[in-house]
Amino acid sequence: MPDDSATTIVAPYDPAWQQSGAALADQVAAALAPLALRVDHIGSTSIPGMAAKPVCDLQVSVADLDDAGAAFDEPLAALGFARRPYEQDHVPAGCDDPAHRWAKRYWHKRIPGEQQVNLHCRLAGSPNERLALLFRDWFRAHPGAVPAYARFKGTLAAAVGDLGVYTDVKDPVVDLVATVAEEWAATTGWRPGRR
């Protein structure tokens, strides 16, 4: 997903990301209750040992995206978040879902000196909500895969330096991980964990 940053920097893993993500999830959950059904720390900063852009990704699961979009602007603005115009997630290669099933609402927080945050609001039970949680939980259950994915991201970031290009090139690799993760989910009976 493109953003307003021209440079992609993948930083070494920071153990503080886990505590920071949990605290931010709690803060957002309190601000968005009761429409927020759950708030999870997702993305690379939620995976122990994973190098990442030092931006915390949160996912807010809701029953209705339009209701949430209208209701969340004010409380999120009070926390320093700004609404961004990205309302569609990447649909994985080989997936025949209609694009509207991968809809979302998106805010971010970019205040100098504070933790940067991407906040993805997705429909509870949607494929994009599920994928974000599965991606996180698969890597947590397969720590041996973390160094290879981290190295790929670092090499890619150094080669392209542009967030839009970085995201476009990374998406098919996420699709590969998702294919393997779906097989693991089916075999293990995986259900989304918390945080």
Protein backbone atom coordinates (compact mmCIF):
# COMPACT_ATOMS: atom_id res chain seq x y z
CA MET A 1 0.00 0.00 0.00
CA PRO A 2 1.60 3.29 -1.01
CA ASP A 3 2.01 5.93 1.63
CA ASP A 4 3.44 9.41 1.82
CA SER A 5 6.94 8.19 2.65
CA ALA A 6 9.36 8.06 -0.26
CA THR A 7 11.90 5.86 1.49
CA THR A 8 11.53 2.37 2.87
CA ILE A 9 13.74 1.53 5.84
CA VAL A 10 13.70 -1.99 7.23
CA ALA A 11 15.08 -1.94 10.75
CA PRO A 12 16.41 -4.86 12.80
CA TYR A 13 13.89 -6.46 15.13
CA ASP A 14 13.21 -4.51 18.31
CA PRO A 15 11.73 -6.50 21.24
CA ALA A 16 10.00 -3.29 22.40
CA TRP A 17 7.67 -3.56 19.39
CA GLN A 18 5.64 -6.28 21.15
CA GLN A 19 4.90 -4.16 24.23
CA SER A 20 4.33 -1.03 22.15
CA GLY A 21 1.91 -2.85 19.84
CA ALA A 22 -0.08 -4.28 22.75
CA ALA A 23 -0.32 -0.86 24.43
CA LEU A 24 -1.42 0.82 21.20
CA ALA A 25 -4.01 -1.90 20.58
CA ASP A 26 -5.43 -1.34 24.07
CA GLN A 27 -5.54 2.42 23.56
CA VAL A 28 -7.31 2.11 20.21
CA ALA A 29 -9.74 -0.51 21.51
CA ALA A 30 -10.76 1.78 24.36
CA ALA A 31 -11.23 4.73 22.00
CA LEU A 32 -13.27 2.80 19.43
CA ALA A 33 -15.49 0.69 21.68
CA PRO A 34 -18.07 -0.70 21.18
CA LEU A 35 -17.82 -0.75 17.36
CA ALA A 36 -14.33 -2.25 17.45
CA LEU A 37 -14.98 -5.97 17.89
CA ARG A 38 -11.28 -6.67 18.32
CA VAL A 39 -8.02 -4.77 17.86
CA ASP A 40 -4.88 -6.73 17.00
CA HIS A 41 -1.22 -5.95 16.55
CA ILE A 42 -0.45 -7.37 13.08
CA GLY A 43 2.28 -7.12 10.47
CA SER A 44 5.99 -7.63 10.80
CA THR A 45 6.41 -5.73 14.08
CA SER A 46 4.07 -8.29 15.70
CA ILE A 47 6.37 -11.21 14.79
CA PRO A 48 9.24 -11.98 17.19
CA GLY A 49 12.62 -11.67 15.48
CA MET A 50 11.27 -10.09 12.29
CA ALA A 51 13.06 -7.09 10.81
CA ALA A 52 10.51 -4.49 9.78
CA LYS A 53 9.73 -0.93 8.93
CA PRO A 54 9.47 0.56 12.43
CA VAL A 55 5.78 1.26 11.93
CA CYS A 56 3.23 -0.58 14.06
CA ASP A 57 0.33 -2.10 12.15
CA LEU A 58 -2.96 -2.48 13.97
CA GLN A 59 -6.10 -4.15 12.70
CA VAL A 60 -9.55 -3.14 13.92
CA SER A 61 -12.27 -5.67 13.17
CA VAL A 62 -15.79 -4.30 12.78
CA ALA A 63 -19.27 -5.46 11.78
CA ASP A 64 -19.81 -2.63 9.24
CA LEU A 65 -17.09 -0.68 7.45
CA ASP A 66 -19.27 2.32 6.58
CA ASP A 67 -20.49 2.74 10.17
CA ALA A 68 -16.96 2.38 11.48
CA GLY A 69 -15.54 4.80 8.94
CA ALA A 70 -18.02 7.47 9.97
CA ALA A 71 -17.69 6.84 13.70
CA PHE A 72 -13.91 6.43 13.97
CA ASP A 73 -12.62 9.66 12.39
CA GLU A 74 -13.15 11.82 15.48
CA PRO A 75 -11.80 9.50 18.20
CA LEU A 76 -8.84 8.53 16.03
CA ALA A 77 -8.06 12.17 15.24
CA ALA A 78 -7.94 12.78 19.01
CA LEU A 79 -5.22 10.10 19.17
CA GLY A 80 -3.25 11.71 16.32
CA PHE A 81 -4.48 9.56 13.43
CA ALA A 82 -5.41 10.90 10.00
CA ARG A 83 -7.74 9.17 7.57
CA ARG A 84 -6.08 8.10 4.34
CA PRO A 85 -7.76 7.30 1.01
CA TYR A 86 -6.75 3.63 0.81
CA GLU A 87 -9.91 1.52 0.92
CA GLN A 88 -8.83 -1.61 -0.89
CA ASP A 89 -6.34 -4.34 0.01
CA HIS A 90 -4.30 -6.34 -2.47
CA VAL A 91 -6.25 -9.40 -3.62
CA PRO A 92 -3.83 -12.35 -3.62
CA ALA A 93 -2.85 -13.89 -6.94
CA GLY A 94 -5.05 -16.85 -7.79
CA CYS A 95 -7.88 -15.66 -5.55
CA ASP A 96 -11.16 -15.28 -7.41
CA ASP A 97 -12.84 -13.16 -4.71
CA PRO A 98 -14.49 -9.98 -5.95
CA ALA A 99 -12.42 -6.97 -4.94
CA HIS A 100 -15.13 -5.59 -2.61
CA ARG A 101 -14.50 -8.52 -0.23
CA TRP A 102 -11.03 -7.01 0.36
CA ALA A 103 -12.31 -3.53 1.27
CA LYS A 104 -11.04 -1.67 4.31
CA ARG A 105 -10.73 1.75 5.88
CA TYR A 106 -7.31 3.11 6.75
CA TRP A 107 -5.79 5.71 9.09
CA HIS A 108 -2.22 6.41 10.01
CA LYS A 109 -0.33 8.24 12.73
CA ARG A 110 2.79 10.18 11.78
CA ILE A 111 3.71 12.47 14.68
CA PRO A 112 7.42 13.27 15.04
CA GLY A 113 8.88 11.64 18.12
CA GLU A 114 5.99 9.17 18.52
CA GLN A 115 5.49 5.61 17.33
CA GLN A 116 4.28 5.60 13.73
CA VAL A 117 1.13 3.50 13.26
CA ASN A 118 -0.87 2.12 10.34
CA LEU A 119 -4.45 1.33 11.36
CA HIS A 120 -6.34 -1.03 9.06
CA CYS A 121 -10.08 -1.34 9.71
CA ARG A 122 -11.50 -4.52 8.18
CA LEU A 123 -14.78 -6.34 8.22
CA ALA A 124 -14.89 -9.15 10.79
CA GLY A 125 -14.79 -12.48 8.98
CA SER A 126 -13.53 -10.97 5.71
CA PRO A 127 -10.65 -12.60 3.84
CA ASN A 128 -8.33 -9.62 4.38
CA GLU A 129 -9.00 -9.59 8.14
CA ARG A 130 -8.26 -13.32 8.25
CA LEU A 131 -5.11 -13.05 6.11
CA ALA A 132 -3.54 -10.41 8.37
CA LEU A 133 -4.02 -12.65 11.41
CA LEU A 134 -2.97 -15.83 9.62
CA PHE A 135 0.20 -14.22 8.25
CA ARG A 136 1.19 -13.11 11.76
CA ASP A 137 0.31 -16.40 13.45
CA TRP A 138 2.00 -18.57 10.80
CA PHE A 139 5.30 -16.73 11.21
CA ARG A 140 4.98 -16.91 15.01
CA ALA A 141 4.53 -20.68 14.70
CA HIS A 142 7.41 -20.99 12.18
CA PRO A 143 10.31 -18.89 13.56
CA GLY A 144 12.71 -20.65 11.20
CA ALA A 145 11.06 -18.82 8.29
CA VAL A 146 11.53 -15.38 9.88
CA PRO A 147 15.22 -14.79 8.90
CA ALA A 148 14.60 -15.55 5.21
CA TYR A 149 11.59 -13.25 4.95
CA ALA A 150 13.41 -10.54 6.89
CA ARG A 151 16.42 -10.80 4.58
CA PHE A 152 14.16 -10.59 1.52
CA LYS A 153 12.55 -7.41 2.85
CA GLY A 154 15.89 -5.83 3.73
CA THR A 155 17.37 -6.63 0.32
CA LEU A 156 14.27 -5.36 -1.45
CA ALA A 157 14.16 -2.13 0.56
CA ALA A 158 17.84 -1.44 -0.21
CA ALA A 159 17.29 -2.13 -3.91
CA VAL A 160 14.17 -0.06 -4.53
CA GLY A 161 13.98 2.61 -1.82
CA ASP A 162 10.42 3.56 -2.82
CA LEU A 163 7.52 2.38 -0.67
CA GLY A 164 5.08 1.93 -3.56
CA VAL A 165 7.53 -0.23 -5.55
CA TYR A 166 8.56 -2.08 -2.38
CA THR A 167 4.92 -2.97 -1.67
CA ASP A 168 4.18 -4.02 -5.25
CA VAL A 169 7.19 -6.37 -5.33
CA LYS A 170 6.52 -7.74 -1.83
CA ASP A 171 2.84 -8.56 -2.44
CA PRO A 172 3.47 -11.73 -4.52
CA VAL A 173 5.84 -13.03 -1.83
CA VAL A 174 3.13 -12.46 0.78
CA ASP A 175 0.84 -14.42 -1.55
CA LEU A 176 3.32 -17.33 -1.45
CA VAL A 177 3.45 -17.23 2.34
CA ALA A 178 -0.34 -17.11 2.45
CA THR A 179 -0.58 -20.27 0.32
CA VAL A 180 1.65 -22.20 2.71
CA ALA A 181 -0.05 -20.65 5.73
CA GLU A 182 -3.50 -21.69 4.47
CA GLU A 183 -2.33 -25.30 4.24
CA TRP A 184 -0.99 -25.05 7.82
CA ALA A 185 -4.29 -23.52 9.00
CA ALA A 186 -6.30 -26.34 7.43
CA THR A 187 -4.02 -29.01 8.92
CA THR A 188 -3.89 -27.55 12.42
CA GLY A 189 -7.42 -26.16 12.74
CA TRP A 190 -5.91 -22.70 13.30
CA ARG A 191 -8.09 -19.97 14.71
CA PRO A 192 -6.86 -16.39 15.09
CA GLY A 193 -4.98 -15.69 18.31
CA ARG A 194 -4.89 -12.34 20.04
CA ARG A 195 -2.28 -9.64 19.88
